Amino acid sequence: MNTTWRKEKVADVINLVLGTGLFLSPWVIALPPEAAASWNAWLSGILIAAVAVAALGAFAEWEEWLNVIVGLWVAASPWLVNFSANVTATRVHVIAGILVAVVAVVRIWLVHSHPPRVAA
């Protein structure tokens, strides 16, 4: 098995786990289903996980850029969607959002710092 392939996929697996964790977080921290924090976590978590699955299938740089944008949205959403009074939900969103964005940026950096090699 090609170890380079495995190293490249680690970032996508991490974002898949983070997206799944964000999706499950409203139940874990017992948020009410009608809360904005719950809906934001469900929708953002699904989007992050879906993009990560797509990147695992066939890498495209736009997928990582989309995860950077969604990660930044998730980190800022407690203030933008007005649920920052819930400290636990705010912490979950900020931590998950920053991690998703950082992992995606690292993946983009790896692609540009180690371009694929073509054997002649």
PDB file of N, CA and C in Angstrom:
ATOM      1  N   MET A   1       0.851  -1.191   0.000  1.00  0.00           N
ATOM      2  CA  MET A   1       0.000   0.000   0.000  1.00  0.00           C
ATOM      3  C   MET A   1       0.882   1.234   0.000  1.00  0.00           C
ATOM      4  N   ASN A   2       0.489   2.225  -0.722  1.00  0.00           N
ATOM      5  CA  ASN A   2       1.239   3.462  -0.850  1.00  0.00           C
ATOM      6  C   ASN A   2       1.044   4.314   0.405  1.00  0.00           C
ATOM      7  N   THR A   3       2.146   4.581   1.153  1.00  0.00           N
ATOM      8  CA  THR A   3       2.027   5.334   2.405  1.00  0.00           C
ATOM      9  C   THR A   3       1.672   6.789   2.162  1.00  0.00           C
ATOM     10  N   THR A   4       2.053   7.361   1.025  1.00  0.00           N
ATOM     11  CA  THR A   4       1.687   8.736   0.706  1.00  0.00           C
ATOM     12  C   THR A   4       0.176   8.877   0.613  1.00  0.00           C
ATOM     13  N   TRP A   5      -0.474   7.922  -0.020  1.00  0.00           N
ATOM     14  CA  TRP A   5      -1.932   7.946  -0.132  1.00  0.00           C
ATOM     15  C   TRP A   5      -2.545   7.971   1.257  1.00  0.00           C
ATOM     16  N   ARG A   6      -2.050   7.140   2.140  1.00  0.00           N
ATOM     17  CA  ARG A   6      -2.623   7.085   3.489  1.00  0.00           C
ATOM     18  C   ARG A   6      -2.423   8.392   4.238  1.00  0.00           C
ATOM     19  N   LYS A   7      -1.257   8.991   4.126  1.00  0.00           N
ATOM     20  CA  LYS A   7      -0.995  10.251   4.815  1.00  0.00           C
ATOM     21  C   LYS A   7      -1.926  11.350   4.314  1.00  0.00           C
ATOM     22  N   GLU A   8      -2.187  11.383   3.034  1.00  0.00           N
ATOM     23  CA  GLU A   8      -3.050  12.415   2.471  1.00  0.00           C
ATOM     24  C   GLU A   8      -4.494  12.261   2.935  1.00  0.00           C
ATOM     25  N   LYS A   9      -4.916  11.051   3.169  1.00  0.00           N
ATOM     26  CA  LYS A   9      -6.305  10.812   3.542  1.00  0.00           C
ATOM     27  C   LYS A   9      -6.582  11.074   5.020  1.00  0.00           C
ATOM     28  N   VAL A  10      -5.534  11.172   5.839  1.00  0.00           N
ATOM     29  CA  VAL A  10      -5.724  11.367   7.279  1.00  0.00           C
ATOM     30  C   VAL A  10      -6.521  12.642   7.558  1.00  0.00           C
ATOM     31  N   ALA A  11      -6.213  13.717   6.857  1.00  0.00           N
ATOM     32  CA  ALA A  11      -6.929  14.983   7.069  1.00  0.00           C
ATOM     33  C   ALA A  11      -8.416  14.827   6.774  1.00  0.00           C
ATOM     34  N   ASP A  12      -8.746  14.087   5.714  1.00  0.00           N
ATOM     35  CA  ASP A  12     -10.156  13.889   5.372  1.00  0.00           C
ATOM     36  C   ASP A  12     -10.863  13.022   6.410  1.00  0.00           C
ATOM     37  N   VAL A  13     -10.173  12.028   6.928  1.00  0.00           N
ATOM     38  CA  VAL A  13     -10.763  11.185   7.977  1.00  0.00           C
ATOM     39  C   VAL A  13     -10.986  12.000   9.248  1.00  0.00           C
ATOM     40  N   ILE A  14     -10.018  12.860   9.585  1.00  0.00           N
ATOM     41  CA  ILE A  14     -10.178  13.719  10.768  1.00  0.00           C
ATOM     42  C   ILE A  14     -11.396  14.627  10.603  1.00  0.00           C
ATOM     43  N   ASN A  15     -11.552  15.235   9.432  1.00  0.00           N
ATOM     44  CA  ASN A  15     -12.710  16.109   9.217  1.00  0.00           C
ATOM     45  C   ASN A  15     -14.014  15.319   9.195  1.00  0.00           C
ATOM     46  N   LEU A  16     -13.974  14.086   8.730  1.00  0.00           N
ATOM     47  CA  LEU A  16     -15.168  13.236   8.790  1.00  0.00           C
ATOM     48  C   LEU A  16     -15.566  12.988  10.248  1.00  0.00           C
ATOM     49  N   VAL A  17     -14.602  12.700  11.084  1.00  0.00           N
ATOM     50  CA  VAL A  17     -14.872  12.477  12.513  1.00  0.00           C
ATOM     51  C   VAL A  17     -15.366  13.767  13.171  1.00  0.00           C
ATOM     52  N   LEU A  18     -14.730  14.891  12.841  1.00  0.00           N
ATOM     53  CA  LEU A  18     -15.168  16.173  13.414  1.00  0.00           C
ATOM     54  C   LEU A  18     -16.586  16.535  12.968  1.00  0.00           C
ATOM     55  N   GLY A  19     -16.899  16.323  11.694  1.00  0.00           N
ATOM     56  CA  GLY A  19     -18.247  16.602  11.203  1.00  0.00           C
ATOM     57  C   GLY A  19     -19.293  15.721  11.872  1.00  0.00           C
ATOM     58  N   THR A  20     -18.948  14.446  12.028  1.00  0.00           N
ATOM     59  CA  THR A  20     -19.867  13.523  12.706  1.00  0.00           C
ATOM     60  C   THR A  20     -20.052  13.919  14.160  1.00  0.00           C
ATOM     61  N   GLY A  21     -18.946  14.288  14.811  1.00  0.00           N
ATOM     62  CA  GLY A  21     -19.027  14.723  16.206  1.00  0.00           C
ATOM     63  C   GLY A  21     -19.861  15.979  16.369  1.00  0.00           C
ATOM     64  N   LEU A  22     -19.693  16.926  15.448  1.00  0.00           N
ATOM     65  CA  LEU A  22     -20.501  18.152  15.496  1.00  0.00           C
ATOM     66  C   LEU A  22     -21.972  17.827  15.295  1.00  0.00           C
ATOM     67  N   PHE A  23     -22.272  16.922  14.360  1.00  0.00           N
ATOM     68  CA  PHE A  23     -23.657  16.525  14.115  1.00  0.00           C
ATOM     69  C   PHE A  23     -24.281  15.903  15.373  1.00  0.00           C
ATOM     70  N   LEU A  24     -23.516  15.093  16.090  1.00  0.00           N
ATOM     71  CA  LEU A  24     -24.038  14.410  17.286  1.00  0.00           C
ATOM     72  C   LEU A  24     -24.031  15.286  18.540  1.00  0.00           C
ATOM     73  N   SER A  25     -23.304  16.388  18.509  1.00  0.00           N
ATOM     74  CA  SER A  25     -23.133  17.207  19.712  1.00  0.00           C
ATOM     75  C   SER A  25     -24.426  17.719  20.350  1.00  0.00           C
ATOM     76  N   PRO A  26     -25.474  18.089  19.600  1.00  0.00           N
ATOM     77  CA  PRO A  26     -26.684  18.548  20.288  1.00  0.00           C
ATOM     78  C   PRO A  26     -27.290  17.492  21.222  1.00  0.00           C
ATOM     79  N   TRP A  27     -27.168  16.226  20.865  1.00  0.00           N
ATOM     80  CA  TRP A  27     -27.687  15.165  21.727  1.00  0.00           C
ATOM     81  C   TRP A  27     -26.745  14.928  22.895  1.00  0.00           C
ATOM     82  N   VAL A  28     -25.453  15.032  22.658  1.00  0.00           N
ATOM     83  CA  VAL A  28     -24.472  14.783  23.713  1.00  0.00           C
ATOM     84  C   VAL A  28     -24.544  15.864  24.780  1.00  0.00           C
ATOM     85  N   ILE A  29     -24.678  17.122  24.375  1.00  0.00           N
ATOM     86  CA  ILE A  29     -24.726  18.215  25.355  1.00  0.00           C
ATOM     87  C   ILE A  29     -26.160  18.628  25.695  1.00  0.00           C
ATOM     88  N   ALA A  30     -27.124  17.845  25.225  1.00  0.00           N
ATOM     89  CA  ALA A  30     -28.542  18.009  25.570  1.00  0.00           C
ATOM     90  C   ALA A  30     -29.101  19.387  25.213  1.00  0.00           C
ATOM     91  N   LEU A  31     -28.892  19.787  23.976  1.00  0.00           N
ATOM     92  CA  LEU A  31     -29.509  21.020  23.496  1.00  0.00           C
ATOM     93  C   LEU A  31     -30.943  20.734  23.057  1.00  0.00           C
ATOM     94  N   PRO A  32     -31.843  21.682  23.232  1.00  0.00           N
ATOM     95  CA  PRO A  32     -33.202  21.476  22.741  1.00  0.00           C
ATOM     96  C   PRO A  32     -33.217  21.425  21.213  1.00  0.00           C
ATOM     97  N   PRO A  33     -34.046  20.556  20.627  1.00  0.00           N
ATOM     98  CA  PRO A  33     -34.054  20.391  19.171  1.00  0.00           C
ATOM     99  C   PRO A  33     -34.423  21.655  18.400  1.00  0.00           C
ATOM    100  N   GLU A  34     -35.166  22.542  19.014  1.00  0.00           N
ATOM    101  CA  GLU A  34     -35.568  23.758  18.304  1.00  0.00           C
ATOM    102  C   GLU A  34     -34.515  24.868  18.423  1.00  0.00           C
ATOM    103  N   ALA A  35     -33.452  24.636  19.148  1.00  0.00           N
ATOM    104  CA  ALA A  35     -32.417  25.659  19.349  1.00  0.00           C
ATOM    105  C   ALA A  35     -31.610  25.891  18.067  1.00  0.00           C
ATOM    106  N   ALA A  36     -31.222  27.133  17.860  1.00  0.00           N
ATOM    107  CA  ALA A  36     -30.399  27.480  16.696  1.00  0.00           C
ATOM    108  C   ALA A  36     -29.073  26.738  16.717  1.00  0.00           C
ATOM    109  N   ALA A  37     -28.528  26.535  17.903  1.00  0.00           N
ATOM    110  CA  ALA A  37     -27.260  25.805  18.021  1.00  0.00           C
ATOM    111  C   ALA A  37     -27.403  24.373  17.520  1.00  0.00           C
ATOM    112  N   SER A  38     -28.532  23.748  17.801  1.00  0.00           N
ATOM    113  CA  SER A  38     -28.764  22.373  17.342  1.00  0.00           C
ATOM    114  C   SER A  38     -28.826  22.313  15.825  1.00  0.00           C
ATOM    115  N   TRP A  39     -29.610  23.186  15.244  1.00  0.00           N
ATOM    116  CA  TRP A  39     -29.748  23.185  13.787  1.00  0.00           C
ATOM    117  C   TRP A  39     -28.436  23.509  13.096  1.00  0.00           C
ATOM    118  N   ASN A  40     -27.709  24.458  13.658  1.00  0.00           N
ATOM    119  CA  ASN A  40     -26.423  24.813  13.077  1.00  0.00           C
ATOM    120  C   ASN A  40     -25.453  23.624  13.145  1.00  0.00           C
ATOM    121  N   ALA A  41     -25.435  22.930  14.273  1.00  0.00           N
ATOM    122  CA  ALA A  41     -24.547  21.769  14.433  1.00  0.00           C
ATOM    123  C   ALA A  41     -24.944  20.656  13.471  1.00  0.00           C
ATOM    124  N   TRP A  42     -26.239  20.399  13.333  1.00  0.00           N
ATOM    125  CA  TRP A  42     -26.685  19.320  12.434  1.00  0.00           C
ATOM    126  C   TRP A  42     -26.333  19.627  10.987  1.00  0.00           C
ATOM    127  N   LEU A  43     -26.691  20.807  10.525  1.00  0.00           N
ATOM    128  CA  LEU A  43     -26.452  21.151   9.119  1.00  0.00           C
ATOM    129  C   LEU A  43     -24.966  21.282   8.806  1.00  0.00           C
ATOM    130  N   SER A  44     -24.226  21.953   9.680  1.00  0.00           N
ATOM    131  CA  SER A  44     -22.789  22.110   9.453  1.00  0.00           C
ATOM    132  C   SER A  44     -22.063  20.771   9.553  1.00  0.00           C
ATOM    133  N   GLY A  45     -22.458  19.955  10.512  1.00  0.00           N
ATOM    134  CA  GLY A  45     -21.836  18.634  10.673  1.00  0.00           C
ATOM    135  C   GLY A  45     -22.053  17.754   9.458  1.00  0.00           C
ATOM    136  N   ILE A  46     -23.274  17.783   8.921  1.00  0.00           N
ATOM    137  CA  ILE A  46     -23.563  16.999   7.709  1.00  0.00           C
ATOM    138  C   ILE A  46     -22.719  17.499   6.543  1.00  0.00           C
ATOM    139  N   LEU A  47     -22.625  18.809   6.385  1.00  0.00           N
ATOM    140  CA  LEU A  47     -21.853  19.372   5.279  1.00  0.00           C
ATOM    141  C   LEU A  47     -20.366  19.031   5.401  1.00  0.00           C
ATOM    142  N   ILE A  48     -19.804  19.174   6.584  1.00  0.00           N
ATOM    143  CA  ILE A  48     -18.387  18.849   6.794  1.00  0.00           C
ATOM    144  C   ILE A  48     -18.132  17.375   6.511  1.00  0.00           C
ATOM    145  N   ALA A  49     -18.981  16.503   7.043  1.00  0.00           N
ATOM    146  CA  ALA A  49     -18.801  15.065   6.831  1.00  0.00           C
ATOM    147  C   ALA A  49     -18.974  14.689   5.363  1.00  0.00           C
ATOM    148  N   ALA A  50     -19.951  15.280   4.694  1.00  0.00           N
ATOM    149  CA  ALA A  50     -20.186  14.973   3.276  1.00  0.00           C
ATOM    150  C   ALA A  50     -19.006  15.398   2.409  1.00  0.00           C
ATOM    151  N   VAL A  51     -18.471  16.562   2.685  1.00  0.00           N
ATOM    152  CA  VAL A  51     -17.308  17.031   1.919  1.00  0.00           C
ATOM    153  C   VAL A  51     -16.103  16.134   2.199  1.00  0.00           C
ATOM    154  N   ALA A  52     -15.934  15.704   3.432  1.00  0.00           N
ATOM    155  CA  ALA A  52     -14.823  14.811   3.773  1.00  0.00           C
ATOM    156  C   ALA A  52     -14.965  13.468   3.057  1.00  0.00           C
ATOM    157  N   VAL A  53     -16.174  12.947   2.992  1.00  0.00           N
ATOM    158  CA  VAL A  53     -16.405  11.679   2.272  1.00  0.00           C
ATOM    159  C   VAL A  53     -16.115  11.858   0.790  1.00  0.00           C
ATOM    160  N   ALA A  54     -16.533  12.983   0.229  1.00  0.00           N
ATOM    161  CA  ALA A  54     -16.253  13.256  -1.187  1.00  0.00           C
ATOM    162  C   ALA A  54     -14.746  13.342  -1.421  1.00  0.00           C
ATOM    163  N   ALA A  55     -14.031  13.970  -0.501  1.00  0.00           N
ATOM    164  CA  ALA A  55     -12.572  14.088  -0.642  1.00  0.00           C
ATOM    165  C   ALA A  55     -11.890  12.730  -0.486  1.00  0.00           C
ATOM    166  N   LEU A  56     -12.448  11.873   0.331  1.00  0.00           N
ATOM    167  CA  LEU A  56     -11.884  10.522   0.454  1.00  0.00           C
ATOM    168  C   LEU A  56     -12.062   9.739  -0.844  1.00  0.00           C
ATOM    169  N   GLY A  57     -13.162   9.982  -1.526  1.00  0.00           N
ATOM    170  CA  GLY A  57     -13.429   9.292  -2.792  1.00  0.00           C
ATOM    171  C   GLY A  57     -12.534   9.778  -3.905  1.00  0.00           C
ATOM    172  N   ALA A  58     -12.451  11.073  -4.081  1.00  0.00           N
ATOM    173  CA  ALA A  58     -11.613  11.666  -5.128  1.00  0.00           C
ATOM    174  C   ALA A  58     -11.269  13.080  -4.693  1.00  0.00           C
ATOM    175  N   PHE A  59     -10.005  13.313  -4.443  1.00  0.00           N
ATOM    176  CA  PHE A  59      -9.579  14.615  -3.934  1.00  0.00           C
ATOM    177  C   PHE A  59      -9.744  15.710  -4.980  1.00  0.00           C
ATOM    178  N   ALA A  60     -10.274  16.826  -4.529  1.00  0.00           N
ATOM    179  CA  ALA A  60     -10.303  18.050  -5.322  1.00  0.00           C
ATOM    180  C   ALA A  60     -10.064  19.192  -4.332  1.00  0.00           C
ATOM    181  N   GLU A  61      -9.251  20.129  -4.723  1.00  0.00           N
ATOM    182  CA  GLU A  61      -8.871  21.197  -3.798  1.00  0.00           C
ATOM    183  C   GLU A  61     -10.070  22.007  -3.319  1.00  0.00           C
ATOM    184  N   TRP A  62     -11.100  22.166  -4.146  1.00  0.00           N
ATOM    185  CA  TRP A  62     -12.266  22.959  -3.749  1.00  0.00           C
ATOM    186  C   TRP A  62     -12.949  22.362  -2.526  1.00  0.00           C
ATOM    187  N   GLU A  63     -12.851  21.044  -2.356  1.00  0.00           N
ATOM    188  CA  GLU A  63     -13.469  20.404  -1.184  1.00  0.00           C
ATOM    189  C   GLU A  63     -12.809  20.897   0.103  1.00  0.00           C
ATOM    190  N   GLU A  64     -11.496  21.016   0.062  1.00  0.00           N
ATOM    191  CA  GLU A  64     -10.788  21.501   1.246  1.00  0.00           C
ATOM    192  C   GLU A  64     -11.096  22.974   1.502  1.00  0.00           C
ATOM    193  N   TRP A  65     -11.177  23.780   0.429  1.00  0.00           N
ATOM    194  CA  TRP A  65     -11.532  25.186   0.607  1.00  0.00           C
ATOM    195  C   TRP A  65     -12.947  25.327   1.175  1.00  0.00           C
ATOM    196  N   LEU A  66     -13.852  24.456   0.750  1.00  0.00           N
ATOM    197  CA  LEU A  66     -15.208  24.483   1.295  1.00  0.00           C
ATOM    198  C   LEU A  66     -15.185  24.157   2.788  1.00  0.00           C
ATOM    199  N   ASN A  67     -14.361  23.184   3.184  1.00  0.00           N
ATOM    200  CA  ASN A  67     -14.256  22.871   4.610  1.00  0.00           C
ATOM    201  C   ASN A  67     -13.617  24.007   5.400  1.00  0.00           C
ATOM    202  N   VAL A  68     -12.706  24.763   4.804  1.00  0.00           N
ATOM    203  CA  VAL A  68     -12.150  25.945   5.478  1.00  0.00           C
ATOM    204  C   VAL A  68     -13.274  26.947   5.742  1.00  0.00           C
ATOM    205  N   ILE A  69     -14.083  27.205   4.731  1.00  0.00           N
ATOM    206  CA  ILE A  69     -15.184  28.171   4.858  1.00  0.00           C
ATOM    207  C   ILE A  69     -16.208  27.707   5.884  1.00  0.00           C
ATOM    208  N   VAL A  70     -16.598  26.436   5.801  1.00  0.00           N
ATOM    209  CA  VAL A  70     -17.586  25.907   6.755  1.00  0.00           C
ATOM    210  C   VAL A  70     -17.002  25.902   8.168  1.00  0.00           C
ATOM    211  N   GLY A  71     -15.736  25.543   8.298  1.00  0.00           N
ATOM    212  CA  GLY A  71     -15.090  25.558   9.616  1.00  0.00           C
ATOM    213  C   GLY A  71     -15.089  26.947  10.230  1.00  0.00           C
ATOM    214  N   LEU A  72     -14.778  27.953   9.422  1.00  0.00           N
ATOM    215  CA  LEU A  72     -14.803  29.328   9.920  1.00  0.00           C
ATOM    216  C   LEU A  72     -16.229  29.764  10.275  1.00  0.00           C
ATOM    217  N   TRP A  73     -17.200  29.327   9.461  1.00  0.00           N
ATOM    218  CA  TRP A  73     -18.603  29.615   9.778  1.00  0.00           C
ATOM    219  C   TRP A  73     -18.976  29.005  11.137  1.00  0.00           C
ATOM    220  N   VAL A  74     -18.623  27.742  11.326  1.00  0.00           N
ATOM    221  CA  VAL A  74     -18.970  27.052  12.571  1.00  0.00           C
ATOM    222  C   VAL A  74     -18.334  27.776  13.762  1.00  0.00           C
ATOM    223  N   ALA A  75     -17.073  28.195  13.630  1.00  0.00           N
ATOM    224  CA  ALA A  75     -16.395  28.885  14.728  1.00  0.00           C
ATOM    225  C   ALA A  75     -17.036  30.237  15.046  1.00  0.00           C
ATOM    226  N   ALA A  76     -17.522  30.923  14.034  1.00  0.00           N
ATOM    227  CA  ALA A  76     -18.130  32.252  14.245  1.00  0.00           C
ATOM    228  C   ALA A  76     -19.630  32.194  14.501  1.00  0.00           C
ATOM    229  N   SER A  77     -20.258  31.065  14.207  1.00  0.00           N
ATOM    230  CA  SER A  77     -21.720  30.975  14.271  1.00  0.00           C
ATOM    231  C   SER A  77     -22.351  31.251  15.635  1.00  0.00           C
ATOM    232  N   PRO A  78     -21.702  30.982  16.765  1.00  0.00           N
ATOM    233  CA  PRO A  78     -22.369  31.333  18.028  1.00  0.00           C
ATOM    234  C   PRO A  78     -22.739  32.810  18.113  1.00  0.00           C
ATOM    235  N   TRP A  79     -21.930  33.677  17.512  1.00  0.00           N
ATOM    236  CA  TRP A  79     -22.217  35.115  17.527  1.00  0.00           C
ATOM    237  C   TRP A  79     -23.080  35.527  16.343  1.00  0.00           C
ATOM    238  N   LEU A  80     -22.888  34.872  15.213  1.00  0.00           N
ATOM    239  CA  LEU A  80     -23.663  35.230  14.021  1.00  0.00           C
ATOM    240  C   LEU A  80     -25.108  34.736  14.093  1.00  0.00           C
ATOM    241  N   VAL A  81     -25.315  33.599  14.740  1.00  0.00           N
ATOM    242  CA  VAL A  81     -26.660  33.025  14.851  1.00  0.00           C
ATOM    243  C   VAL A  81     -27.260  33.320  16.225  1.00  0.00           C
ATOM    244  N   ASN A  82     -26.472  33.937  17.105  1.00  0.00           N
ATOM    245  CA  ASN A  82     -26.940  34.407  18.405  1.00  0.00           C
ATOM    246  C   ASN A  82     -27.268  33.292  19.392  1.00  0.00           C
ATOM    247  N   PHE A  83     -26.314  32.372  19.587  1.00  0.00           N
ATOM    248  CA  PHE A  83     -26.465  31.410  20.673  1.00  0.00           C
ATOM    249  C   PHE A  83     -25.219  31.379  21.563  1.00  0.00           C
ATOM    250  N   SER A  84     -24.484  32.492  21.568  1.00  0.00           N
ATOM    251  CA  SER A  84     -23.251  32.561  22.361  1.00  0.00           C
ATOM    252  C   SER A  84     -23.503  32.542  23.865  1.00  0.00           C
ATOM    253  N   ALA A  85     -24.747  32.768  24.291  1.00  0.00           N
ATOM    254  CA  ALA A  85     -25.064  32.696  25.719  1.00  0.00           C
ATOM    255  C   ALA A  85     -24.949  31.274  26.238  1.00  0.00           C
ATOM    256  N   ASN A  86     -25.103  30.292  25.347  1.00  0.00           N
ATOM    257  CA  ASN A  86     -24.930  28.890  25.738  1.00  0.00           C
ATOM    258  C   ASN A  86     -23.444  28.567  25.630  1.00  0.00           C
ATOM    259  N   VAL A  87     -22.765  28.597  26.764  1.00  0.00           N
ATOM    260  CA  VAL A  87     -21.310  28.463  26.791  1.00  0.00           C
ATOM    261  C   VAL A  87     -20.857  27.117  26.236  1.00  0.00           C
ATOM    262  N   THR A  88     -21.542  26.051  26.565  1.00  0.00           N
ATOM    263  CA  THR A  88     -21.145  24.724  26.093  1.00  0.00           C
ATOM    264  C   THR A  88     -21.279  24.622  24.579  1.00  0.00           C
ATOM    265  N   ALA A  89     -22.396  25.061  24.047  1.00  0.00           N
ATOM    266  CA  ALA A  89     -22.593  25.024  22.591  1.00  0.00           C
ATOM    267  C   ALA A  89     -21.575  25.918  21.888  1.00  0.00           C
ATOM    268  N   THR A  90     -21.272  27.068  22.468  1.00  0.00           N
ATOM    269  CA  THR A  90     -20.282  27.962  21.885  1.00  0.00           C
ATOM    270  C   THR A  90     -18.918  27.297  21.848  1.00  0.00           C
ATOM    271  N   ARG A  91     -18.515  26.677  22.938  1.00  0.00           N
ATOM    272  CA  ARG A  91     -17.214  25.996  22.979  1.00  0.00           C
ATOM    273  C   ARG A  91     -17.137  24.882  21.938  1.00  0.00           C
ATOM    274  N   VAL A  92     -18.182  24.081  21.846  1.00  0.00           N
ATOM    275  CA  VAL A  92     -18.199  22.980  20.878  1.00  0.00           C
ATOM    276  C   VAL A  92     -18.050  23.525  19.464  1.00  0.00           C
ATOM    277  N   HIS A  93     -18.803  24.550  19.137  1.00  0.00           N
ATOM    278  CA  HIS A  93     -18.757  25.118  17.788  1.00  0.00           C
ATOM    279  C   HIS A  93     -17.405  25.767  17.488  1.00  0.00           C
ATOM    280  N   VAL A  94     -16.876  26.531  18.422  1.00  0.00           N
ATOM    281  CA  VAL A  94     -15.595  27.210  18.186  1.00  0.00           C
ATOM    282  C   VAL A  94     -14.466  26.185  18.024  1.00  0.00           C
ATOM    283  N   ILE A  95     -14.401  25.216  18.907  1.00  0.00           N
ATOM    284  CA  ILE A  95     -13.335  24.207  18.831  1.00  0.00           C
ATOM    285  C   ILE A  95     -13.461  23.382  17.555  1.00  0.00           C
ATOM    286  N   ALA A  96     -14.664  22.888  17.275  1.00  0.00           N
ATOM    287  CA  ALA A  96     -14.853  22.072  16.064  1.00  0.00           C
ATOM    288  C   ALA A  96     -14.562  22.888  14.810  1.00  0.00           C
ATOM    289  N   GLY A  97     -15.051  24.117  14.756  1.00  0.00           N
ATOM    290  CA  GLY A  97     -14.838  24.956  13.584  1.00  0.00           C
ATOM    291  C   GLY A  97     -13.370  25.248  13.324  1.00  0.00           C
ATOM    292  N   ILE A  98     -12.644  25.599  14.367  1.00  0.00           N
ATOM    293  CA  ILE A  98     -11.216  25.881  14.214  1.00  0.00           C
ATOM    294  C   ILE A  98     -10.472  24.629  13.773  1.00  0.00           C
ATOM    295  N   LEU A  99     -10.784  23.489  14.380  1.00  0.00           N
ATOM    296  CA  LEU A  99     -10.103  22.248  14.004  1.00  0.00           C
ATOM    297  C   LEU A  99     -10.376  21.877  12.546  1.00  0.00           C
ATOM    298  N   VAL A 100     -11.619  21.985  12.118  1.00  0.00           N
ATOM    299  CA  VAL A 100     -11.966  21.662  10.720  1.00  0.00           C
ATOM    300  C   VAL A 100     -11.203  22.579   9.767  1.00  0.00           C
ATOM    301  N   ALA A 101     -11.200  23.867  10.050  1.00  0.00           N
ATOM    302  CA  ALA A 101     -10.516  24.821   9.172  1.00  0.00           C
ATOM    303  C   ALA A 101      -9.011  24.570   9.146  1.00  0.00           C
ATOM    304  N   VAL A 102      -8.414  24.328  10.299  1.00  0.00           N
ATOM    305  CA  VAL A 102      -6.970  24.086  10.362  1.00  0.00           C
ATOM    306  C   VAL A 102      -6.600  22.809   9.619  1.00  0.00           C
ATOM    307  N   VAL A 103      -7.361  21.749   9.819  1.00  0.00           N
ATOM    308  CA  VAL A 103      -7.070  20.487   9.127  1.00  0.00           C
ATOM    309  C   VAL A 103      -7.176  20.678   7.613  1.00  0.00           C
ATOM    310  N   ALA A 104      -8.176  21.407   7.162  1.00  0.00           N
ATOM    311  CA  ALA A 104      -8.337  21.644   5.727  1.00  0.00           C
ATOM    312  C   ALA A 104      -7.191  22.501   5.175  1.00  0.00           C
ATOM    313  N   VAL A 105      -6.772  23.505   5.921  1.00  0.00           N
ATOM    314  CA  VAL A 105      -5.655  24.348   5.482  1.00  0.00           C
ATOM    315  C   VAL A 105      -4.363  23.533   5.418  1.00  0.00           C
ATOM    316  N   VAL A 106      -4.142  22.672   6.393  1.00  0.00           N
ATOM    317  CA  VAL A 106      -2.960  21.804   6.374  1.00  0.00           C
ATOM    318  C   VAL A 106      -2.995  20.901   5.149  1.00  0.00           C
ATOM    319  N   ARG A 107      -4.162  20.368   4.838  1.00  0.00           N
ATOM    320  CA  ARG A 107      -4.295  19.495   3.655  1.00  0.00           C
ATOM    321  C   ARG A 107      -3.983  20.275   2.373  1.00  0.00           C
ATOM    322  N   ILE A 108      -4.465  21.499   2.264  1.00  0.00           N
ATOM    323  CA  ILE A 108      -4.172  22.333   1.101  1.00  0.00           C
ATOM    324  C   ILE A 108      -2.670  22.619   1.036  1.00  0.00           C
ATOM    325  N   TRP A 109      -2.082  22.939   2.173  1.00  0.00           N
ATOM    326  CA  TRP A 109      -0.647  23.201   2.215  1.00  0.00           C
ATOM    327  C   TRP A 109       0.148  21.981   1.780  1.00  0.00           C
ATOM    328  N   LEU A 110      -0.250  20.808   2.233  1.00  0.00           N
ATOM    329  CA  LEU A 110       0.453  19.580   1.840  1.00  0.00           C
ATOM    330  C   LEU A 110       0.385  19.352   0.334  1.00  0.00           C
ATOM    331  N   VAL A 111      -0.745  19.634  -0.257  1.00  0.00           N
ATOM    332  CA  VAL A 111      -0.890  19.448  -1.699  1.00  0.00           C
ATOM    333  C   VAL A 111       0.061  20.377  -2.452  1.00  0.00           C
ATOM    334  N   HIS A 112       0.167  21.619  -1.981  1.00  0.00           N
ATOM    335  CA  HIS A 112       1.003  22.586  -2.688  1.00  0.00           C
ATOM    336  C   HIS A 112       2.490  22.449  -2.363  1.00  0.00           C
ATOM    337  N   SER A 113       2.811  21.909  -1.205  1.00  0.00           N
ATOM    338  CA  SER A 113       4.221  21.767  -0.849  1.00  0.00           C
ATOM    339  C   SER A 113       4.812  20.453  -1.354  1.00  0.00           C
ATOM    340  N   HIS A 114       3.970  19.477  -1.616  1.00  0.00           N
ATOM    341  CA  HIS A 114       4.408  18.182  -2.134  1.00  0.00           C
ATOM    342  C   HIS A 114       3.554  17.806  -3.340  1.00  0.00           C
ATOM    343  N   PRO A 115       3.794  18.424  -4.483  1.00  0.00           N
ATOM    344  CA  PRO A 115       2.971  18.111  -5.656  1.00  0.00           C
ATOM    345  C   PRO A 115       3.135  16.638  -6.056  1.00  0.00           C
ATOM    346  N   PRO A 116       2.115  16.054  -6.637  1.00  0.00           N
ATOM    347  CA  PRO A 116       2.194  14.657  -7.035  1.00  0.00           C
ATOM    348  C   PRO A 116       3.292  14.447  -8.077  1.00  0.00           C
ATOM    349  N   ARG A 117       3.943  13.320  -7.976  1.00  0.00           N
ATOM    350  CA  ARG A 117       5.015  13.000  -8.920  1.00  0.00           C
ATOM    351  C   ARG A 117       4.517  11.996  -9.935  1.00  0.00           C
ATOM    352  N   VAL A 118       4.913  12.237 -11.160  1.00  0.00           N
ATOM    353  CA  VAL A 118       4.514  11.349 -12.236  1.00  0.00           C
ATOM    354  C   VAL A 118       5.743  10.572 -12.679  1.00  0.00           C
ATOM    355  N   ALA A 119       5.638   9.253 -12.656  1.00  0.00           N
ATOM    356  CA  ALA A 119       6.761   8.417 -13.079  1.00  0.00           C
ATOM    357  C   ALA A 119       6.771   8.337 -14.603  1.00  0.00           C
ATOM    358  N   ALA A 120       7.955   8.504 -15.160  1.00  0.00           N
ATOM    359  CA  ALA A 120       8.059   8.463 -16.629  1.00  0.00           C
ATOM    360  C   ALA A 120       8.241   7.052 -17.126  1.00  0.00           C
TER     361      ALA A 120
END
